[in-house]
Amino acid sequence: MTRMPGSDVDRVDPATTRVLTDVVNRLRRTLRTSIRADYPWEMLPMAQVELLMALQDQPSRVGDLAARLRLAGNTVSTLVQQLVHAGFVHRSPDAADRRAAVIALTDAGRSQLAGWDAAHQQRIGDALSELSPADRTAIQAALPALDHLVEELAGQKRP
C-alpha cells in the first residue's frame, strides 16, 4: 500500500513530537552536565565536539565542514581556529587548491574525541545498568527507529 504524504496514516500526534523533543533535550543536557561533574576536562563546547566528530573519518575543507554541520563558513572558521589553538586540529594546504586549507585531527584531537566518547559511553552504561530489564529492552528496541529518525532529520533541507 502506497501512503500519500500528509495522509492520516502519516500524521504524528503532536504530543509525541513534544515529548520526544523534551526527552532528547533533557538527555543531552543531563549527560553533558553529569559528565562535567566527573570529568572536569569535558569543557569543550558542543559545537567544537561536533566539528571534531565531523573530522573523525577524513580531513575536510572549511566549506565542506560548514555544509555538513549546517553552519556558516565564518562560524566554522572560528571553531577551527579555536581547535587549532587548543592543538586538536591542524591546517594544511589543499593539494587540489593551494588557496584552500584542509583541516585534520591531530593525535591530541583524536585522543580528546576518544576520551569524550568513552566518558559518555561509561555514563550511559552506568545509567542503563540502573534501569529495569524491561526499560533496557525497550530502549534497545527503540534504537533502530531512533537511528532512522536521525537519518531522516539529516536528510531534510532547512527552510
C-alpha atoms as a PDB file:
ATOM      1  CA  MET A   1       0.000   0.000   0.000  1.00  0.00           C
ATOM      2  CA  THR A   2       1.401   3.370  -1.009  1.00  0.00           C
ATOM      3  CA  ARG A   3       0.881   6.132   1.506  1.00  0.00           C
ATOM      4  CA  MET A   4       0.450   9.688   0.419  1.00  0.00           C
ATOM      5  CA  PRO A   5       2.418  12.302   2.389  1.00  0.00           C
ATOM      6  CA  GLY A   6       0.073  14.217   4.628  1.00  0.00           C
ATOM      7  CA  SER A   7      -2.475  11.409   4.809  1.00  0.00           C
ATOM      8  CA  ASP A   8      -3.999  10.481   8.157  1.00  0.00           C
ATOM      9  CA  VAL A   9      -1.669   7.471   8.328  1.00  0.00           C
ATOM     10  CA  ASP A  10       1.381   9.782   8.201  1.00  0.00           C
ATOM     11  CA  ARG A  11       0.194  12.250  10.826  1.00  0.00           C
ATOM     12  CA  VAL A  12       2.039  12.098  14.110  1.00  0.00           C
ATOM     13  CA  ASP A  13       0.420  13.064  17.365  1.00  0.00           C
ATOM     14  CA  PRO A  14       1.883  16.468  18.331  1.00  0.00           C
ATOM     15  CA  ALA A  15       2.197  15.205  21.904  1.00  0.00           C
ATOM     16  CA  THR A  16       4.632  12.540  20.671  1.00  0.00           C
ATOM     17  CA  THR A  17       6.871  15.095  18.976  1.00  0.00           C
ATOM     18  CA  ARG A  18       6.703  17.353  22.034  1.00  0.00           C
ATOM     19  CA  VAL A  19       7.628  14.535  24.438  1.00  0.00           C
ATOM     20  CA  LEU A  20      10.404  13.212  22.179  1.00  0.00           C
ATOM     21  CA  THR A  21      11.868  16.699  21.778  1.00  0.00           C
ATOM     22  CA  ASP A  22      11.780  17.221  25.526  1.00  0.00           C
ATOM     23  CA  VAL A  23      13.360  13.831  26.282  1.00  0.00           C
ATOM     24  CA  VAL A  24      16.150  14.309  23.718  1.00  0.00           C
ATOM     25  CA  ASN A  25      16.935  17.793  25.019  1.00  0.00           C
ATOM     26  CA  ARG A  26      16.918  16.674  28.666  1.00  0.00           C
ATOM     27  CA  LEU A  27      19.035  13.601  27.856  1.00  0.00           C
ATOM     28  CA  ARG A  28      21.636  15.664  26.049  1.00  0.00           C
ATOM     29  CA  ARG A  29      21.747  18.375  28.715  1.00  0.00           C
ATOM     30  CA  THR A  30      21.809  15.908  31.623  1.00  0.00           C
ATOM     31  CA  LEU A  31      24.513  13.794  30.041  1.00  0.00           C
ATOM     32  CA  ARG A  32      26.644  16.838  29.320  1.00  0.00           C
ATOM     33  CA  THR A  33      26.337  18.312  32.816  1.00  0.00           C
ATOM     34  CA  SER A  34      26.810  14.976  34.584  1.00  0.00           C
ATOM     35  CA  ILE A  35      29.953  14.268  32.565  1.00  0.00           C
ATOM     36  CA  ARG A  36      31.363  17.658  33.538  1.00  0.00           C
ATOM     37  CA  ALA A  37      30.846  16.830  37.209  1.00  0.00           C
ATOM     38  CA  ASP A  38      33.024  13.711  36.940  1.00  0.00           C
ATOM     39  CA  TYR A  39      35.363  14.770  34.136  1.00  0.00           C
ATOM     40  CA  PRO A  40      36.408  18.421  34.523  1.00  0.00           C
ATOM     41  CA  TRP A  41      38.303  18.257  31.201  1.00  0.00           C
ATOM     42  CA  GLU A  42      34.956  17.857  29.432  1.00  0.00           C
ATOM     43  CA  MET A  43      34.600  21.560  28.843  1.00  0.00           C
ATOM     44  CA  LEU A  44      34.659  21.740  25.051  1.00  0.00           C
ATOM     45  CA  PRO A  45      31.588  23.463  23.669  1.00  0.00           C
ATOM     46  CA  MET A  46      29.331  21.044  21.804  1.00  0.00           C
ATOM     47  CA  ALA A  47      29.973  22.863  18.521  1.00  0.00           C
ATOM     48  CA  GLN A  48      33.694  22.079  18.851  1.00  0.00           C
ATOM     49  CA  VAL A  49      32.972  18.433  19.698  1.00  0.00           C
ATOM     50  CA  GLU A  50      30.694  18.155  16.659  1.00  0.00           C
ATOM     51  CA  LEU A  51      33.426  19.604  14.454  1.00  0.00           C
ATOM     52  CA  LEU A  52      35.938  17.090  15.831  1.00  0.00           C
ATOM     53  CA  MET A  53      33.434  14.315  15.164  1.00  0.00           C
ATOM     54  CA  ALA A  54      32.969  15.547  11.594  1.00  0.00           C
ATOM     55  CA  LEU A  55      36.729  15.245  11.068  1.00  0.00           C
ATOM     56  CA  GLN A  56      36.929  11.785  12.614  1.00  0.00           C
ATOM     57  CA  ASP A  57      36.692   9.898   9.320  1.00  0.00           C
ATOM     58  CA  GLN A  58      38.539  12.243   6.998  1.00  0.00           C
ATOM     59  CA  PRO A  59      40.140  15.669   6.767  1.00  0.00           C
ATOM     60  CA  SER A  60      37.911  18.322   5.223  1.00  0.00           C
ATOM     61  CA  ARG A  61      37.887  21.868   3.941  1.00  0.00           C
ATOM     62  CA  VAL A  62      36.114  24.554   5.964  1.00  0.00           C
ATOM     63  CA  GLY A  63      33.373  24.919   3.354  1.00  0.00           C
ATOM     64  CA  ASP A  64      32.690  21.179   3.365  1.00  0.00           C
ATOM     65  CA  LEU A  65      32.570  21.168   7.162  1.00  0.00           C
ATOM     66  CA  ALA A  66      30.180  24.120   7.150  1.00  0.00           C
ATOM     67  CA  ALA A  67      27.851  22.337   4.731  1.00  0.00           C
ATOM     68  CA  ARG A  68      27.976  19.065   6.663  1.00  0.00           C
ATOM     69  CA  LEU A  69      27.375  20.765  10.022  1.00  0.00           C
ATOM     70  CA  ARG A  70      24.903  23.243   8.528  1.00  0.00           C
ATOM     71  CA  LEU A  71      26.801  26.195   9.939  1.00  0.00           C
ATOM     72  CA  ALA A  72      28.018  29.418   8.400  1.00  0.00           C
ATOM     73  CA  GLY A  73      31.528  29.276   6.986  1.00  0.00           C
ATOM     74  CA  ASN A  74      32.769  32.032   9.294  1.00  0.00           C
ATOM     75  CA  THR A  75      31.393  30.119  12.300  1.00  0.00           C
ATOM     76  CA  VAL A  76      33.321  27.015  11.251  1.00  0.00           C
ATOM     77  CA  SER A  77      36.438  29.099  10.644  1.00  0.00           C
ATOM     78  CA  THR A  78      36.195  30.458  14.192  1.00  0.00           C
ATOM     79  CA  LEU A  79      35.713  26.951  15.624  1.00  0.00           C
ATOM     80  CA  VAL A  80      38.659  25.666  13.591  1.00  0.00           C
ATOM     81  CA  GLN A  81      40.854  28.497  14.871  1.00  0.00           C
ATOM     82  CA  GLN A  82      39.888  27.679  18.468  1.00  0.00           C
ATOM     83  CA  LEU A  83      40.661  23.984  17.908  1.00  0.00           C
ATOM     84  CA  VAL A  84      43.973  24.786  16.181  1.00  0.00           C
ATOM     85  CA  HIS A  85      44.906  26.930  19.189  1.00  0.00           C
ATOM     86  CA  ALA A  86      43.936  24.050  21.531  1.00  0.00           C
ATOM     87  CA  GLY A  87      46.067  21.656  19.474  1.00  0.00           C
ATOM     88  CA  PHE A  88      43.170  19.400  18.453  1.00  0.00           C
ATOM     89  CA  VAL A  89      43.242  20.094  14.699  1.00  0.00           C
ATOM     90  CA  HIS A  90      45.758  21.392  12.198  1.00  0.00           C
ATOM     91  CA  ARG A  91      45.508  23.135   8.854  1.00  0.00           C
ATOM     92  CA  SER A  92      47.469  22.104   5.804  1.00  0.00           C
ATOM     93  CA  PRO A  93      47.351  23.337   2.216  1.00  0.00           C
ATOM     94  CA  ASP A  94      44.827  21.576  -0.018  1.00  0.00           C
ATOM     95  CA  ALA A  95      46.772  19.729  -2.731  1.00  0.00           C
ATOM     96  CA  ALA A  96      43.937  20.396  -5.200  1.00  0.00           C
ATOM     97  CA  ASP A  97      43.691  24.120  -4.424  1.00  0.00           C
ATOM     98  CA  ARG A  98      46.605  25.854  -2.702  1.00  0.00           C
ATOM     99  CA  ARG A  99      44.342  28.784  -1.756  1.00  0.00           C
ATOM    100  CA  ALA A 100      42.291  26.477   0.483  1.00  0.00           C
ATOM    101  CA  ALA A 101      43.229  24.570   3.599  1.00  0.00           C
ATOM    102  CA  VAL A 102      42.374  21.079   4.726  1.00  0.00           C
ATOM    103  CA  ILE A 103      41.537  20.613   8.381  1.00  0.00           C
ATOM    104  CA  ALA A 104      42.510  17.351  10.097  1.00  0.00           C
ATOM    105  CA  LEU A 105      42.544  15.962  13.615  1.00  0.00           C
ATOM    106  CA  THR A 106      45.832  15.889  15.476  1.00  0.00           C
ATOM    107  CA  ASP A 107      46.738  12.993  17.759  1.00  0.00           C
ATOM    108  CA  ALA A 108      45.595  15.190  20.660  1.00  0.00           C
ATOM    109  CA  GLY A 109      42.266  15.771  18.895  1.00  0.00           C
ATOM    110  CA  ARG A 110      41.769  12.045  18.333  1.00  0.00           C
ATOM    111  CA  SER A 111      42.616  11.416  21.970  1.00  0.00           C
ATOM    112  CA  GLN A 112      40.200  14.113  23.133  1.00  0.00           C
ATOM    113  CA  LEU A 113      37.429  12.702  20.968  1.00  0.00           C
ATOM    114  CA  ALA A 114      38.099   9.139  22.164  1.00  0.00           C
ATOM    115  CA  GLY A 115      38.011  10.314  25.785  1.00  0.00           C
ATOM    116  CA  TRP A 116      34.777  12.209  25.168  1.00  0.00           C
ATOM    117  CA  ASP A 117      33.196   9.131  23.601  1.00  0.00           C
ATOM    118  CA  ALA A 118      34.429   6.753  26.327  1.00  0.00           C
ATOM    119  CA  ALA A 119      33.169   9.045  29.097  1.00  0.00           C
ATOM    120  CA  HIS A 120      29.727   9.257  27.506  1.00  0.00           C
ATOM    121  CA  GLN A 121      29.540   5.508  26.926  1.00  0.00           C
ATOM    122  CA  GLN A 122      30.532   4.878  30.539  1.00  0.00           C
ATOM    123  CA  ARG A 123      27.978   7.353  31.868  1.00  0.00           C
ATOM    124  CA  ILE A 124      25.161   5.963  29.724  1.00  0.00           C
ATOM    125  CA  GLY A 125      26.171   2.370  30.523  1.00  0.00           C
ATOM    126  CA  ASP A 126      26.132   3.109  34.244  1.00  0.00           C
ATOM    127  CA  ALA A 127      22.684   4.696  33.984  1.00  0.00           C
ATOM    128  CA  LEU A 128      21.319   1.860  31.828  1.00  0.00           C
ATOM    129  CA  SER A 129      22.502  -0.690  34.376  1.00  0.00           C
ATOM    130  CA  GLU A 130      20.297   1.003  36.981  1.00  0.00           C
ATOM    131  CA  LEU A 131      17.156   0.658  34.848  1.00  0.00           C
ATOM    132  CA  SER A 132      14.810  -2.286  34.920  1.00  0.00           C
ATOM    133  CA  PRO A 133      15.371  -5.050  32.351  1.00  0.00           C
ATOM    134  CA  ALA A 134      12.097  -4.016  30.700  1.00  0.00           C
ATOM    135  CA  ASP A 135      13.300  -0.419  30.288  1.00  0.00           C
ATOM    136  CA  ARG A 136      16.668  -1.582  28.900  1.00  0.00           C
ATOM    137  CA  THR A 137      14.868  -3.866  26.433  1.00  0.00           C
ATOM    138  CA  ALA A 138      12.556  -1.031  25.367  1.00  0.00           C
ATOM    139  CA  ILE A 139      15.492   1.325  24.823  1.00  0.00           C
ATOM    140  CA  GLN A 140      17.378  -1.311  22.838  1.00  0.00           C
ATOM    141  CA  ALA A 141      14.295  -1.989  20.714  1.00  0.00           C
ATOM    142  CA  ALA A 142      13.886   1.745  20.018  1.00  0.00           C
ATOM    143  CA  LEU A 143      17.478   2.257  18.812  1.00  0.00           C
ATOM    144  CA  PRO A 144      16.911   1.292  15.142  1.00  0.00           C
ATOM    145  CA  ALA A 145      13.889   3.600  14.918  1.00  0.00           C
ATOM    146  CA  LEU A 146      15.825   6.436  16.559  1.00  0.00           C
ATOM    147  CA  ASP A 147      18.667   5.851  14.100  1.00  0.00           C
ATOM    148  CA  HIS A 148      16.176   6.101  11.219  1.00  0.00           C
ATOM    149  CA  LEU A 149      14.829   9.320  12.752  1.00  0.00           C
ATOM    150  CA  VAL A 150      18.355  10.780  12.817  1.00  0.00           C
ATOM    151  CA  GLU A 151      18.873   9.776   9.176  1.00  0.00           C
ATOM    152  CA  GLU A 152      15.554  11.384   8.239  1.00  0.00           C
ATOM    153  CA  LEU A 153      16.419  14.589  10.068  1.00  0.00           C
ATOM    154  CA  ALA A 154      19.889  14.654   8.498  1.00  0.00           C
ATOM    155  CA  GLY A 155      18.376  14.380   5.031  1.00  0.00           C
ATOM    156  CA  GLN A 156      15.908  17.217   5.465  1.00  0.00           C
ATOM    157  CA  LYS A 157      16.687  20.595   3.998  1.00  0.00           C
ATOM    158  CA  ARG A 158      16.419  23.640   6.191  1.00  0.00           C
ATOM    159  CA  PRO A 159      13.915  26.281   5.039  1.00  0.00           C
END
